PDB file of N, CA and C in Angstrom:
ATOM      1  N   MET A   1      33.922  71.744  21.915  1.00  0.00           N
ATOM      2  CA  MET A   1      34.163  71.766  23.331  1.00  0.00           C
ATOM      3  C   MET A   1      33.779  70.711  24.009  1.00  0.00           C
ATOM      4  N   PRO A   2      34.270  70.396  25.324  1.00  0.00           N
ATOM      5  CA  PRO A   2      33.895  69.190  26.040  1.00  0.00           C
ATOM      6  C   PRO A   2      32.395  68.955  25.896  1.00  0.00           C
ATOM      7  N   ASN A   3      31.266  70.043  26.005  1.00  0.00           N
ATOM      8  CA  ASN A   3      29.857  69.505  26.123  1.00  0.00           C
ATOM      9  C   ASN A   3      29.442  69.373  25.000  1.00  0.00           C
ATOM     10  N   GLY A   4      30.153  69.049  23.772  1.00  0.00           N
ATOM     11  CA  GLY A   4      29.645  69.161  22.370  1.00  0.00           C
ATOM     12  C   GLY A   4      29.461  70.411  21.506  1.00  0.00           C
ATOM     13  N   ASN A   5      29.057  71.079  22.215  1.00  0.00           N
ATOM     14  CA  ASN A   5      29.137  72.407  21.611  1.00  0.00           C
ATOM     15  C   ASN A   5      30.403  73.217  20.717  1.00  0.00           C
ATOM     16  N   LEU A   6      30.054  73.401  19.387  1.00  0.00           N
ATOM     17  CA  LEU A   6      31.391  74.013  18.311  1.00  0.00           C
ATOM     18  C   LEU A   6      31.599  75.703  18.976  1.00  0.00           C
ATOM     19  N   MET A   7      33.040  75.875  18.480  1.00  0.00           N
ATOM     20  CA  MET A   7      33.147  77.382  18.531  1.00  0.00           C
ATOM     21  C   MET A   7      32.793  77.646  17.059  1.00  0.00           C
ATOM     22  N   LEU A   8      32.622  78.749  16.950  1.00  0.00           N
ATOM     23  CA  LEU A   8      32.397  79.305  15.026  1.00  0.00           C
ATOM     24  C   LEU A   8      33.287  80.822  15.530  1.00  0.00           C
ATOM     25  N   LYS A   9      33.603  80.927  14.257  1.00  0.00           N
ATOM     26  CA  LYS A   9      34.434  82.053  13.731  1.00  0.00           C
ATOM     27  C   LYS A   9      34.640  81.987  12.170  1.00  0.00           C
ATOM     28  N   GLY A  10      33.897  83.542  12.219  1.00  0.00           N
ATOM     29  CA  GLY A  10      33.856  84.025  10.576  1.00  0.00           C
ATOM     30  C   GLY A  10      34.664  85.314  10.410  1.00  0.00           C
ATOM     31  N   VAL A  11      35.220  85.183   9.116  1.00  0.00           N
ATOM     32  CA  VAL A  11      35.700  86.502   8.924  1.00  0.00           C
ATOM     33  C   VAL A  11      35.034  87.032   6.988  1.00  0.00           C
ATOM     34  N   HIS A  12      34.661  87.924   7.208  1.00  0.00           N
ATOM     35  CA  HIS A  12      34.464  88.194   5.748  1.00  0.00           C
ATOM     36  C   HIS A  12      34.679  89.344   5.323  1.00  0.00           C
ATOM     37  N   LYS A  13      35.162  89.754   4.069  1.00  0.00           N
ATOM     38  CA  LYS A  13      35.828  91.190   4.195  1.00  0.00           C
ATOM     39  C   LYS A  13      34.593  91.204   2.891  1.00  0.00           C
ATOM     40  N   VAL A  14      34.830  92.822   2.634  1.00  0.00           N
ATOM     41  CA  VAL A  14      34.126  93.819   1.171  1.00  0.00           C
ATOM     42  C   VAL A  14      34.652  95.292   1.347  1.00  0.00           C
ATOM     43  N   GLU A  15      34.817  95.016   0.040  1.00  0.00           N
ATOM     44  CA  GLU A  15      35.617  96.816  -0.713  1.00  0.00           C
ATOM     45  C   GLU A  15      34.481  97.290  -1.348  1.00  0.00           C
ATOM     46  N   VAL A  16      34.321  98.620  -1.469  1.00  0.00           N
ATOM     47  CA  VAL A  16      33.419  99.579  -1.208  1.00  0.00           C
ATOM     48  C   VAL A  16      33.847 100.889  -1.337  1.00  0.00           C
ATOM     49  N   ASN A  17      33.940 101.295  -2.616  1.00  0.00           N
ATOM     50  CA  ASN A  17      34.468 102.598  -2.613  1.00  0.00           C
ATOM     51  C   ASN A  17      35.753 102.856  -1.851  1.00  0.00           C
ATOM     52  N   ASP A  18      36.759 102.354  -2.378  1.00  0.00           N
ATOM     53  CA  ASP A  18      38.258 102.292  -1.751  1.00  0.00           C
ATOM     54  C   ASP A  18      38.388 101.955  -0.294  1.00  0.00           C
ATOM     55  N   GLU A  19      37.207 101.081  -0.062  1.00  0.00           N
ATOM     56  CA  GLU A  19      37.258 101.438   1.767  1.00  0.00           C
ATOM     57  C   GLU A  19      37.089  99.751   2.102  1.00  0.00           C
ATOM     58  N   ILE A  20      37.458  99.403   2.310  1.00  0.00           N
ATOM     59  CA  ILE A  20      37.900  97.802   2.925  1.00  0.00           C
ATOM     60  C   ILE A  20      37.221  97.903   4.401  1.00  0.00           C
ATOM     61  N   GLN A  21      36.202  96.535   4.614  1.00  0.00           N
ATOM     62  CA  GLN A  21      35.593  96.747   5.805  1.00  0.00           C
ATOM     63  C   GLN A  21      35.885  95.064   5.952  1.00  0.00           C
ATOM     64  N   GLU A  22      36.150  94.766   7.170  1.00  0.00           N
ATOM     65  CA  GLU A  22      36.390  93.476   7.561  1.00  0.00           C
ATOM     66  C   GLU A  22      35.208  93.363   8.671  1.00  0.00           C
ATOM     67  N   ILE A  23      34.742  92.296   8.822  1.00  0.00           N
ATOM     68  CA  ILE A  23      33.591  91.527   9.569  1.00  0.00           C
ATOM     69  C   ILE A  23      34.103  90.373   9.898  1.00  0.00           C
ATOM     70  N   ASN A  24      33.928  89.982  11.826  1.00  0.00           N
ATOM     71  CA  ASN A  24      34.632  89.047  12.582  1.00  0.00           C
ATOM     72  C   ASN A  24      33.614  88.590  13.266  1.00  0.00           C
ATOM     73  N   LEU A  25      33.190  87.202  13.232  1.00  0.00           N
ATOM     74  CA  LEU A  25      31.884  86.898  13.685  1.00  0.00           C
ATOM     75  C   LEU A  25      32.885  85.661  14.389  1.00  0.00           C
ATOM     76  N   THR A  26      32.479  85.803  15.901  1.00  0.00           N
ATOM     77  CA  THR A  26      32.580  84.713  17.310  1.00  0.00           C
ATOM     78  C   THR A  26      31.548  83.975  17.922  1.00  0.00           C
ATOM     79  N   GLY A  27      31.573  82.844  18.402  1.00  0.00           N
ATOM     80  CA  GLY A  27      30.561  82.483  19.411  1.00  0.00           C
ATOM     81  C   GLY A  27      30.826  81.109  19.380  1.00  0.00           C
ATOM     82  N   THR A  28      29.575  80.568  19.847  1.00  0.00           N
ATOM     83  CA  THR A  28      28.906  79.268  20.338  1.00  0.00           C
ATOM     84  C   THR A  28      28.338  78.692  20.130  1.00  0.00           C
ATOM     85  N   VAL A  29      28.032  77.317  19.243  1.00  0.00           N
ATOM     86  CA  VAL A  29      26.617  76.707  18.666  1.00  0.00           C
ATOM     87  C   VAL A  29      26.395  75.293  19.418  1.00  0.00           C
ATOM     88  N   ARG A  30      25.130  75.377  18.907  1.00  0.00           N
ATOM     89  CA  ARG A  30      24.743  73.758  19.377  1.00  0.00           C
ATOM     90  C   ARG A  30      24.862  73.159  17.779  1.00  0.00           C
ATOM     91  N   PRO A  31      25.610  71.527  17.899  1.00  0.00           N
ATOM     92  CA  PRO A  31      25.416  70.948  16.855  1.00  0.00           C
ATOM     93  C   PRO A  31      24.135  70.958  16.469  1.00  0.00           C
ATOM     94  N   LYS A  32      22.678  70.630  16.947  1.00  0.00           N
ATOM     95  CA  LYS A  32      21.595  70.337  16.484  1.00  0.00           C
ATOM     96  C   LYS A  32      21.239  71.483  15.927  1.00  0.00           C
ATOM     97  N   ASP A  33      21.459  72.634  16.047  1.00  0.00           N
ATOM     98  CA  ASP A  33      20.796  73.991  15.559  1.00  0.00           C
ATOM     99  C   ASP A  33      21.499  74.290  14.455  1.00  0.00           C
ATOM    100  N   ILE A  34      22.326  73.264  13.776  1.00  0.00           N
ATOM    101  CA  ILE A  34      22.798  73.699  12.162  1.00  0.00           C
ATOM    102  C   ILE A  34      22.198  72.725  10.891  1.00  0.00           C
ATOM    103  N   SER A  35      21.921  73.340  10.263  1.00  0.00           N
ATOM    104  CA  SER A  35      20.834  72.960   9.144  1.00  0.00           C
ATOM    105  C   SER A  35      21.084  71.908   8.114  1.00  0.00           C
ATOM    106  N   GLY A  36      20.618  71.183   7.202  1.00  0.00           N
ATOM    107  CA  GLY A  36      21.144  70.128   6.485  1.00  0.00           C
ATOM    108  C   GLY A  36      21.794  70.969   5.133  1.00  0.00           C
ATOM    109  N   SER A  37      21.654  72.044   5.316  1.00  0.00           N
ATOM    110  CA  SER A  37      22.037  72.912   4.088  1.00  0.00           C
ATOM    111  C   SER A  37      23.577  73.709   4.826  1.00  0.00           C
ATOM    112  N   ASN A  38      23.599  73.598   6.247  1.00  0.00           N
ATOM    113  CA  ASN A  38      25.162  73.636   6.815  1.00  0.00           C
ATOM    114  C   ASN A  38      25.114  74.602   7.084  1.00  0.00           C
ATOM    115  N   THR A  39      24.046  75.668   7.497  1.00  0.00           N
ATOM    116  CA  THR A  39      23.815  77.013   8.035  1.00  0.00           C
ATOM    117  C   THR A  39      22.998  77.423   9.588  1.00  0.00           C
ATOM    118  N   ILE A  40      23.378  78.302  10.155  1.00  0.00           N
ATOM    119  CA  ILE A  40      22.301  78.693  11.060  1.00  0.00           C
ATOM    120  C   ILE A  40      21.501  80.066  11.422  1.00  0.00           C
ATOM    121  N   PHE A  41      20.953  80.348  12.319  1.00  0.00           N
ATOM    122  CA  PHE A  41      20.413  81.655  12.028  1.00  0.00           C
ATOM    123  C   PHE A  41      21.322  82.278  13.186  1.00  0.00           C
ATOM    124  N   SER A  42      21.491  83.936  13.224  1.00  0.00           N
ATOM    125  CA  SER A  42      22.140  84.610  14.005  1.00  0.00           C
ATOM    126  C   SER A  42      21.762  84.465  15.279  1.00  0.00           C
ATOM    127  N   TYR A  43      20.402  84.013  15.756  1.00  0.00           N
ATOM    128  CA  TYR A  43      19.603  84.515  16.954  1.00  0.00           C
ATOM    129  C   TYR A  43      20.385  82.978  17.669  1.00  0.00           C
ATOM    130  N   GLN A  44      20.590  81.888  17.268  1.00  0.00           N
ATOM    131  CA  GLN A  44      21.267  80.801  17.552  1.00  0.00           C
ATOM    132  C   GLN A  44      22.780  80.641  17.824  1.00  0.00           C
ATOM    133  N   VAL A  45      23.208  81.719  17.859  1.00  0.00           N
ATOM    134  CA  VAL A  45      25.195  81.849  18.143  1.00  0.00           C
ATOM    135  C   VAL A  45      24.779  82.234  19.182  1.00  0.00           C
ATOM    136  N   ALA A  46      25.210  82.030  20.713  1.00  0.00           N
ATOM    137  CA  ALA A  46      25.291  82.460  21.652  1.00  0.00           C
ATOM    138  C   ALA A  46      26.958  82.951  21.710  1.00  0.00           C
ATOM    139  N   ASN A  47      26.806  83.739  23.069  1.00  0.00           N
ATOM    140  CA  ASN A  47      28.003  84.585  23.079  1.00  0.00           C
ATOM    141  C   ASN A  47      28.506  85.162  22.145  1.00  0.00           C
ATOM    142  N   ALA A  48      27.806  85.212  20.921  1.00  0.00           N
ATOM    143  CA  ALA A  48      28.410  86.379  19.728  1.00  0.00           C
ATOM    144  C   ALA A  48      28.798  87.689  20.335  1.00  0.00           C
ATOM    145  N   ASN A  49      30.092  87.545  19.109  1.00  0.00           N
ATOM    146  CA  ASN A  49      30.795  88.751  19.085  1.00  0.00           C
ATOM    147  C   ASN A  49      30.976  89.411  17.626  1.00  0.00           C
ATOM    148  N   LEU A  50      30.743  90.475  17.429  1.00  0.00           N
ATOM    149  CA  LEU A  50      31.022  91.475  15.951  1.00  0.00           C
ATOM    150  C   LEU A  50      31.795  92.422  16.473  1.00  0.00           C
ATOM    151  N   VAL A  51      32.594  92.233  15.039  1.00  0.00           N
ATOM    152  CA  VAL A  51      33.707  93.592  15.258  1.00  0.00           C
ATOM    153  C   VAL A  51      33.858  93.823  13.620  1.00  0.00           C
ATOM    154  N   VAL A  52      33.367  94.928  13.523  1.00  0.00           N
ATOM    155  CA  VAL A  52      33.950  95.687  11.936  1.00  0.00           C
ATOM    156  C   VAL A  52      34.636  96.747  12.000  1.00  0.00           C
ATOM    157  N   LYS A  53      35.551  96.145  11.139  1.00  0.00           N
ATOM    158  CA  LYS A  53      37.077  97.060  11.497  1.00  0.00           C
ATOM    159  C   LYS A  53      37.333  97.731   9.649  1.00  0.00           C
ATOM    160  N   GLY A  54      37.086  98.963   9.867  1.00  0.00           N
ATOM    161  CA  GLY A  54      37.376  99.618   8.192  1.00  0.00           C
ATOM    162  C   GLY A  54      38.605 100.184   7.883  1.00  0.00           C
ATOM    163  N   THR A  55      39.357 100.279   6.601  1.00  0.00           N
ATOM    164  CA  THR A  55      40.411 100.994   6.368  1.00  0.00           C
ATOM    165  C   THR A  55      39.962 101.306   4.899  1.00  0.00           C
ATOM    166  N   GLY A  56      40.522 102.539   4.945  1.00  0.00           N
ATOM    167  CA  GLY A  56      40.247 103.138   3.812  1.00  0.00           C
ATOM    168  C   GLY A  56      40.129 104.645   3.770  1.00  0.00           C
ATOM    169  N   THR A  57      39.537 105.520   2.986  1.00  0.00           N
ATOM    170  CA  THR A  57      39.034 106.911   2.631  1.00  0.00           C
ATOM    171  C   THR A  57      38.501 107.392   3.933  1.00  0.00           C
ATOM    172  N   VAL A  58      37.559 106.581   4.241  1.00  0.00           N
ATOM    173  CA  VAL A  58      36.593 106.691   5.002  1.00  0.00           C
ATOM    174  C   VAL A  58      37.054 106.759   6.510  1.00  0.00           C
ATOM    175  N   GLY A  59      37.945 105.738   7.013  1.00  0.00           N
ATOM    176  CA  GLY A  59      38.413 105.528   7.888  1.00  0.00           C
ATOM    177  C   GLY A  59      39.275 106.663   8.318  1.00  0.00           C
ATOM    178  N   ASP A  60      40.296 106.740   7.335  1.00  0.00           N
ATOM    179  CA  ASP A  60      41.549 108.287   7.222  1.00  0.00           C
ATOM    180  C   ASP A  60      40.773 109.053   7.408  1.00  0.00           C
ATOM    181  N   ALA A  61      39.214 109.409   6.532  1.00  0.00           N
ATOM    182  CA  ALA A  61      39.038 110.921   7.538  1.00  0.00           C
ATOM    183  C   ALA A  61      38.403 110.890   8.328  1.00  0.00           C
ATOM    184  N   SER A  62      38.352 110.261   9.029  1.00  0.00           N
ATOM    185  CA  SER A  62      37.140 110.202  10.713  1.00  0.00           C
ATOM    186  C   SER A  62      38.966 109.881  11.395  1.00  0.00           C
ATOM    187  N   ALA A  63      39.883 109.845  11.292  1.00  0.00           N
ATOM    188  CA  ALA A  63      40.921 109.689  12.496  1.00  0.00           C
ATOM    189  C   ALA A  63      41.090 111.106  12.467  1.00  0.00           C
ATOM    190  N   PRO A  64      41.855 111.321  13.636  1.00  0.00           N
ATOM    191  CA  PRO A  64      42.031 112.641  14.356  1.00  0.00           C
ATOM    192  C   PRO A  64      43.592 113.033  13.731  1.00  0.00           C
ATOM    193  N   GLY A  65      42.941 114.831  13.406  1.00  0.00           N
ATOM    194  CA  GLY A  65      44.525 115.083  12.896  1.00  0.00           C
ATOM    195  C   GLY A  65      45.817 115.178  13.731  1.00  0.00           C
ATOM    196  N   TRP A  66      46.878 115.605  13.566  1.00  0.00           N
ATOM    197  CA  TRP A  66      48.266 115.568  14.047  1.00  0.00           C
ATOM    198  C   TRP A  66      47.942 116.400  15.431  1.00  0.00           C
ATOM    199  N   LEU A  67      47.211 117.516  14.963  1.00  0.00           N
ATOM    200  CA  LEU A  67      47.288 118.558  16.025  1.00  0.00           C
ATOM    201  C   LEU A  67      46.452 118.090  17.165  1.00  0.00           C
ATOM    202  N   THR A  68      45.225 117.491  16.932  1.00  0.00           N
ATOM    203  CA  THR A  68      44.588 116.726  17.824  1.00  0.00           C
ATOM    204  C   THR A  68      45.272 115.666  18.901  1.00  0.00           C
ATOM    205  N   ARG A  69      46.128 114.843  18.165  1.00  0.00           N
ATOM    206  CA  ARG A  69      47.010 113.861  18.520  1.00  0.00           C
ATOM    207  C   ARG A  69      47.981 114.033  19.514  1.00  0.00           C
ATOM    208  N   VAL A  70      48.875 115.951  18.976  1.00  0.00           N
ATOM    209  CA  VAL A  70      49.444 115.957  20.218  1.00  0.00           C
ATOM    210  C   VAL A  70      49.089 116.998  21.371  1.00  0.00           C
ATOM    211  N   PHE A  71      47.928 116.952  21.112  1.00  0.00           N
ATOM    212  CA  PHE A  71      46.780 117.750  22.465  1.00  0.00           C
ATOM    213  C   PHE A  71      46.506 116.782  23.300  1.00  0.00           C
ATOM    214  N   ASN A  72      46.348 115.643  22.669  1.00  0.00           N
ATOM    215  CA  ASN A  72      45.959 114.358  23.364  1.00  0.00           C
ATOM    216  C   ASN A  72      47.453 114.057  24.138  1.00  0.00           C
ATOM    217  N   TRP A  73      48.311 113.477  22.926  1.00  0.00           N
ATOM    218  CA  TRP A  73      49.417 112.979  24.283  1.00  0.00           C
ATOM    219  C   TRP A  73      49.656 113.983  24.957  1.00  0.00           C
ATOM    220  N   ILE A  74      50.176 115.168  25.150  1.00  0.00           N
ATOM    221  CA  ILE A  74      50.558 116.437  26.183  1.00  0.00           C
ATOM    222  C   ILE A  74      49.457 116.380  27.245  1.00  0.00           C
ATOM    223  N   PHE A  75      48.366 116.247  27.116  1.00  0.00           N
ATOM    224  CA  PHE A  75      47.272 116.629  28.352  1.00  0.00           C
ATOM    225  C   PHE A  75      46.485 114.944  28.623  1.00  0.00           C
TER     226      PHE A  75
END
């Protein structure tokens, strides 16, 4: 960024019991907050946005059935 801050974007995928979860993190970090081991604490990420998406058996079970989708489409 023009002020020297860095934009952060990370993706982590985990598979547990036939369920794939994807965790996306975006935010802004000051270069001076990055440690010598190239790490930062979560509280040092400004404008943090965390999104968790899941696909698989749990996600399918929590999806509305076809009858509910028809009623939602009609009304």
